[in-house]
Structure formats: structure tokens, C-alpha cells
PDB file of N, CA and C in Angstrom:
ATOM      1  N   MET A   1       0.768  -1.136   0.106  1.00  0.00           N
ATOM      2  CA  MET A   1       0.006  -0.101   0.082  1.00  0.00           C
ATOM      3  C   MET A   1       0.787   1.249   0.003  1.00  0.00           C
ATOM      4  N   ALA A   2       0.608   2.106  -0.875  1.00  0.00           N
ATOM      5  CA  ALA A   2       1.606   3.283  -1.019  1.00  0.00           C
ATOM      6  C   ALA A   2       1.234   4.404   0.055  1.00  0.00           C
ATOM      7  N   HIS A   3      -0.054   4.584   0.342  1.00  0.00           N
ATOM      8  CA  HIS A   3      -0.405   5.492   1.174  1.00  0.00           C
ATOM      9  C   HIS A   3      -1.361   5.142   2.106  1.00  0.00           C
ATOM     10  N   LYS A   4      -1.306   5.902   3.474  1.00  0.00           N
ATOM     11  CA  LYS A   4      -2.419   5.672   4.395  1.00  0.00           C
ATOM     12  C   LYS A   4      -2.325   6.784   5.469  1.00  0.00           C
ATOM     13  N   PHE A   5      -3.409   6.764   6.402  1.00  0.00           N
ATOM     14  CA  PHE A   5      -3.566   7.603   7.423  1.00  0.00           C
ATOM     15  C   PHE A   5      -3.301   6.570   8.638  1.00  0.00           C
ATOM     16  N   GLU A   6      -2.648   7.293   9.647  1.00  0.00           N
ATOM     17  CA  GLU A   6      -2.381   6.634  11.025  1.00  0.00           C
ATOM     18  C   GLU A   6      -2.997   7.611  12.022  1.00  0.00           C
ATOM     19  N   ILE A   7      -3.855   6.960  12.960  1.00  0.00           N
ATOM     20  CA  ILE A   7      -4.247   7.749  14.017  1.00  0.00           C
ATOM     21  C   ILE A   7      -3.389   7.085  15.340  1.00  0.00           C
ATOM     22  N   TYR A   8      -2.764   7.947  16.085  1.00  0.00           N
ATOM     23  CA  TYR A   8      -2.153   7.408  17.026  1.00  0.00           C
ATOM     24  C   TYR A   8      -2.040   8.314  18.400  1.00  0.00           C
ATOM     25  N   LYS A   9      -1.643   7.745  19.554  1.00  0.00           N
ATOM     26  CA  LYS A   9      -1.717   8.643  20.755  1.00  0.00           C
ATOM     27  C   LYS A   9      -0.341   9.007  20.917  1.00  0.00           C
ATOM     28  N   ASP A  10       0.129  10.453  21.333  1.00  0.00           N
ATOM     29  CA  ASP A  10       1.296  10.907  21.240  1.00  0.00           C
ATOM     30  C   ASP A  10       1.809  10.582  22.702  1.00  0.00           C
ATOM     31  N   LYS A  11       2.976  11.161  23.061  1.00  0.00           N
ATOM     32  CA  LYS A  11       3.587  10.967  24.376  1.00  0.00           C
ATOM     33  C   LYS A  11       2.760  11.837  25.682  1.00  0.00           C
ATOM     34  N   SER A  12       2.082  12.825  25.195  1.00  0.00           N
ATOM     35  CA  SER A  12       1.193  13.578  26.114  1.00  0.00           C
ATOM     36  C   SER A  12      -0.189  13.147  26.174  1.00  0.00           C
ATOM     37  N   GLY A  13      -0.524  12.068  25.585  1.00  0.00           N
ATOM     38  CA  GLY A  13      -1.814  11.631  25.557  1.00  0.00           C
ATOM     39  C   GLY A  13      -2.696  12.040  24.604  1.00  0.00           C
ATOM     40  N   GLU A  14      -2.478  12.930  23.671  1.00  0.00           N
ATOM     41  CA  GLU A  14      -3.257  13.510  22.581  1.00  0.00           C
ATOM     42  C   GLU A  14      -3.199  12.520  21.468  1.00  0.00           C
ATOM     43  N   PHE A  15      -4.399  12.614  20.578  1.00  0.00           N
ATOM     44  CA  PHE A  15      -4.299  11.790  19.404  1.00  0.00           C
ATOM     45  C   PHE A  15      -4.054  12.671  18.206  1.00  0.00           C
ATOM     46  N   ARG A  16      -3.234  12.066  17.333  1.00  0.00           N
ATOM     47  CA  ARG A  16      -2.673  12.867  16.233  1.00  0.00           C
ATOM     48  C   ARG A  16      -3.071  11.869  14.924  1.00  0.00           C
ATOM     49  N   VAL A  17      -2.895  12.570  13.803  1.00  0.00           N
ATOM     50  CA  VAL A  17      -3.133  11.926  12.540  1.00  0.00           C
ATOM     51  C   VAL A  17      -1.829  12.148  11.652  1.00  0.00           C
ATOM     52  N   ARG A  18      -1.277  11.056  11.207  1.00  0.00           N
ATOM     53  CA  ARG A  18      -0.203  11.424  10.225  1.00  0.00           C
ATOM     54  C   ARG A  18      -0.623  10.574   8.821  1.00  0.00           C
ATOM     55  N   PHE A  19       0.032  11.164   7.840  1.00  0.00           N
ATOM     56  CA  PHE A  19      -0.260  10.660   6.410  1.00  0.00           C
ATOM     57  C   PHE A  19       1.217  10.179   5.927  1.00  0.00           C
ATOM     58  N   LYS A  20       1.130   8.845   5.651  1.00  0.00           N
ATOM     59  CA  LYS A  20       2.309   8.281   5.001  1.00  0.00           C
ATOM     60  C   LYS A  20       2.204   7.931   3.613  1.00  0.00           C
ATOM     61  N   TYR A  21       3.360   8.294   2.924  1.00  0.00           N
ATOM     62  CA  TYR A  21       3.469   7.695   1.590  1.00  0.00           C
ATOM     63  C   TYR A  21       4.634   6.888   1.541  1.00  0.00           C
ATOM     64  N   ASN A  22       4.424   5.660   0.990  1.00  0.00           N
ATOM     65  CA  ASN A  22       5.816   4.717   0.979  1.00  0.00           C
ATOM     66  C   ASN A  22       6.530   4.870   2.291  1.00  0.00           C
ATOM     67  N   SER A  23       5.845   4.749   3.253  1.00  0.00           N
ATOM     68  CA  SER A  23       6.562   4.690   4.659  1.00  0.00           C
ATOM     69  C   SER A  23       7.178   6.066   5.072  1.00  0.00           C
ATOM     70  N   GLU A  24       7.049   7.024   4.361  1.00  0.00           N
ATOM     71  CA  GLU A  24       7.615   8.417   4.608  1.00  0.00           C
ATOM     72  C   GLU A  24       6.367   9.330   5.132  1.00  0.00           C
ATOM     73  N   VAL A  25       6.573   9.927   6.272  1.00  0.00           N
ATOM     74  CA  VAL A  25       5.505  10.734   6.825  1.00  0.00           C
ATOM     75  C   VAL A  25       5.677  12.114   5.976  1.00  0.00           C
ATOM     76  N   ILE A  26       4.282  12.378   5.259  1.00  0.00           N
ATOM     77  CA  ILE A  26       4.128  13.471   4.629  1.00  0.00           C
ATOM     78  C   ILE A  26       3.628  14.706   5.520  1.00  0.00           C
ATOM     79  N   PHE A  27       2.808  14.328   6.311  1.00  0.00           N
ATOM     80  CA  PHE A  27       2.358  15.332   7.174  1.00  0.00           C
ATOM     81  C   PHE A  27       1.668  14.754   8.352  1.00  0.00           C
ATOM     82  N   SER A  28       1.552  15.666   9.604  1.00  0.00           N
ATOM     83  CA  SER A  28       0.929  15.098  10.611  1.00  0.00           C
ATOM     84  C   SER A  28       0.049  16.329  11.247  1.00  0.00           C
ATOM     85  N   THR A  29      -0.894  15.935  12.035  1.00  0.00           N
ATOM     86  CA  THR A  29      -1.859  16.983  12.488  1.00  0.00           C
ATOM     87  C   THR A  29      -1.546  17.563  13.772  1.00  0.00           C
ATOM     88  N   GLU A  30      -2.240  18.627  14.205  1.00  0.00           N
ATOM     89  CA  GLU A  30      -2.247  18.936  15.670  1.00  0.00           C
ATOM     90  C   GLU A  30      -2.881  17.777  16.585  1.00  0.00           C
ATOM     91  N   GLY A  31      -2.780  17.869  17.956  1.00  0.00           N
ATOM     92  CA  GLY A  31      -3.302  16.974  18.808  1.00  0.00           C
ATOM     93  C   GLY A  31      -4.786  17.169  18.924  1.00  0.00           C
ATOM     94  N   TYR A  32      -5.331  16.042  19.064  1.00  0.00           N
ATOM     95  CA  TYR A  32      -6.874  16.081  19.430  1.00  0.00           C
ATOM     96  C   TYR A  32      -7.099  15.418  20.954  1.00  0.00           C
ATOM     97  N   SER A  33      -8.074  15.813  21.648  1.00  0.00           N
ATOM     98  CA  SER A  33      -8.322  15.220  22.888  1.00  0.00           C
ATOM     99  C   SER A  33      -9.034  13.797  22.836  1.00  0.00           C
ATOM    100  N   SER A  34      -9.604  13.487  21.560  1.00  0.00           N
ATOM    101  CA  SER A  34     -10.272  12.308  21.563  1.00  0.00           C
ATOM    102  C   SER A  34     -10.026  11.476  20.361  1.00  0.00           C
ATOM    103  N   LYS A  35     -10.161  10.357  19.953  1.00  0.00           N
ATOM    104  CA  LYS A  35     -10.066   9.668  18.763  1.00  0.00           C
ATOM    105  C   LYS A  35     -10.969  10.148  17.732  1.00  0.00           C
ATOM    106  N   SER A  36     -12.269  10.436  18.328  1.00  0.00           N
ATOM    107  CA  SER A  36     -13.367  10.965  17.426  1.00  0.00           C
ATOM    108  C   SER A  36     -12.842  12.290  16.803  1.00  0.00           C
ATOM    109  N   GLY A  37     -12.066  13.140  17.400  1.00  0.00           N
ATOM    110  CA  GLY A  37     -11.649  14.590  17.020  1.00  0.00           C
ATOM    111  C   GLY A  37     -10.569  14.043  15.696  1.00  0.00           C
ATOM    112  N   ALA A  38      -9.697  13.180  16.108  1.00  0.00           N
ATOM    113  CA  ALA A  38      -8.684  12.742  14.934  1.00  0.00           C
ATOM    114  C   ALA A  38      -9.430  12.235  13.809  1.00  0.00           C
ATOM    115  N   GLN A  39     -10.602  11.243  14.001  1.00  0.00           N
ATOM    116  CA  GLN A  39     -11.181  10.832  13.056  1.00  0.00           C
ATOM    117  C   GLN A  39     -11.934  11.794  12.157  1.00  0.00           C
ATOM    118  N   ARG A  40     -12.526  12.761  12.682  1.00  0.00           N
ATOM    119  CA  ARG A  40     -13.022  14.047  12.009  1.00  0.00           C
ATOM    120  C   ARG A  40     -12.123  14.773  11.121  1.00  0.00           C
ATOM    121  N   ALA A  41     -10.856  14.776  11.586  1.00  0.00           N
ATOM    122  CA  ALA A  41      -9.817  15.389  10.873  1.00  0.00           C
ATOM    123  C   ALA A  41      -9.582  14.580   9.531  1.00  0.00           C
ATOM    124  N   VAL A  42      -9.596  13.269   9.788  1.00  0.00           N
ATOM    125  CA  VAL A  42      -9.251  12.278   8.628  1.00  0.00           C
ATOM    126  C   VAL A  42     -10.359  12.321   7.627  1.00  0.00           C
ATOM    127  N   ASP A  43     -11.584  12.524   8.068  1.00  0.00           N
ATOM    128  CA  ASP A  43     -12.866  12.491   7.178  1.00  0.00           C
ATOM    129  C   ASP A  43     -12.757  13.974   6.379  1.00  0.00           C
ATOM    130  N   SER A  44     -12.248  14.991   6.946  1.00  0.00           N
ATOM    131  CA  SER A  44     -11.985  16.222   6.344  1.00  0.00           C
ATOM    132  C   SER A  44     -11.146  16.151   5.263  1.00  0.00           C
ATOM    133  N   ILE A  45      -9.987  15.421   5.584  1.00  0.00           N
ATOM    134  CA  ILE A  45      -8.721  15.251   4.684  1.00  0.00           C
ATOM    135  C   ILE A  45      -9.049  14.365   3.426  1.00  0.00           C
ATOM    136  N   LYS A  46      -9.916  13.232   3.763  1.00  0.00           N
ATOM    137  CA  LYS A  46     -10.237  12.382   2.742  1.00  0.00           C
ATOM    138  C   LYS A  46     -11.133  12.792   1.748  1.00  0.00           C
ATOM    139  N   LYS A  47     -11.829  14.021   1.832  1.00  0.00           N
ATOM    140  CA  LYS A  47     -12.539  14.530   0.792  1.00  0.00           C
ATOM    141  C   LYS A  47     -11.668  14.699  -0.392  1.00  0.00           C
ATOM    142  N   HIS A  48     -10.281  15.042  -0.066  1.00  0.00           N
ATOM    143  CA  HIS A  48      -9.456  15.337  -1.183  1.00  0.00           C
ATOM    144  C   HIS A  48      -8.666  14.065  -1.637  1.00  0.00           C
ATOM    145  N   VAL A  49      -8.519  13.091  -0.709  1.00  0.00           N
ATOM    146  CA  VAL A  49      -7.865  11.934  -1.086  1.00  0.00           C
ATOM    147  C   VAL A  49      -8.777  10.637  -0.575  1.00  0.00           C
ATOM    148  N   PRO A  50      -9.789  10.449  -1.258  1.00  0.00           N
ATOM    149  CA  PRO A  50     -10.834   9.567  -0.686  1.00  0.00           C
ATOM    150  C   PRO A  50     -10.283   8.042  -0.640  1.00  0.00           C
ATOM    151  N   ASP A  51      -9.284   7.689  -1.368  1.00  0.00           N
ATOM    152  CA  ASP A  51      -8.948   6.269  -1.443  1.00  0.00           C
ATOM    153  C   ASP A  51      -7.958   6.057  -0.350  1.00  0.00           C
ATOM    154  N   ALA A  52      -7.525   6.748   0.526  1.00  0.00           N
ATOM    155  CA  ALA A  52      -6.413   6.483   1.302  1.00  0.00           C
ATOM    156  C   ALA A  52      -6.992   5.767   2.607  1.00  0.00           C
ATOM    157  N   PRO A  53      -6.434   4.667   2.937  1.00  0.00           N
ATOM    158  CA  PRO A  53      -6.919   3.810   4.107  1.00  0.00           C
ATOM    159  C   PRO A  53      -6.606   4.541   5.426  1.00  0.00           C
ATOM    160  N   ILE A  54      -7.238   4.058   6.537  1.00  0.00           N
ATOM    161  CA  ILE A  54      -6.929   4.558   7.943  1.00  0.00           C
ATOM    162  C   ILE A  54      -6.413   3.233   8.723  1.00  0.00           C
ATOM    163  N   GLU A  55      -5.263   3.595   9.275  1.00  0.00           N
ATOM    164  CA  GLU A  55      -4.912   2.454  10.328  1.00  0.00           C
ATOM    165  C   GLU A  55      -4.737   2.968  11.588  1.00  0.00           C
ATOM    166  N   MET A  56      -5.394   2.243  12.610  1.00  0.00           N
ATOM    167  CA  MET A  56      -5.476   2.633  14.060  1.00  0.00           C
ATOM    168  C   MET A  56      -4.234   2.027  14.597  1.00  0.00           C
ATOM    169  N   LEU A  57      -3.487   2.671  15.264  1.00  0.00           N
ATOM    170  CA  LEU A  57      -2.207   2.351  16.069  1.00  0.00           C
ATOM    171  C   LEU A  57      -2.572   2.347  17.611  1.00  0.00           C
ATOM    172  N   GLU A  58      -2.306   1.270  18.264  1.00  0.00           N
ATOM    173  CA  GLU A  58      -2.526   1.352  19.762  1.00  0.00           C
ATOM    174  C   GLU A  58      -1.302   1.219  20.406  1.00  0.00           C
TER     175      GLU A  58
END
């Protein structure tokens, strides 16, 4: 898979989204207090790249 979104929890406990292309981080978002906030960010971004998958990292 060439590109994907990852939702992860950072060291401070906030949820962030990063977009990877060929294993390289292209961008990451600000921190969100909930997974749903991070998911809303992905939903907004996916309007422009609708075929990028989401991978949940625990």
C-alpha cells in the first residue's frame, strides 16, 4: 500500500493523525483530545484523497 492515514496517541496523551506515502511521513496534524476528533480530521482530509486507508495504532 503506497499511502495511508495513521491515528495514534502521542507521548502527552493526545491523538494525532499522520499521513504516510511509501513509509515516509508526509504530514501530521495537531493533537486532539479524542479519537473522534482525530477521525473527523481524517474525514475532512479524505474529501481530497478519498482512497487513502486509515490504520489505527494502539
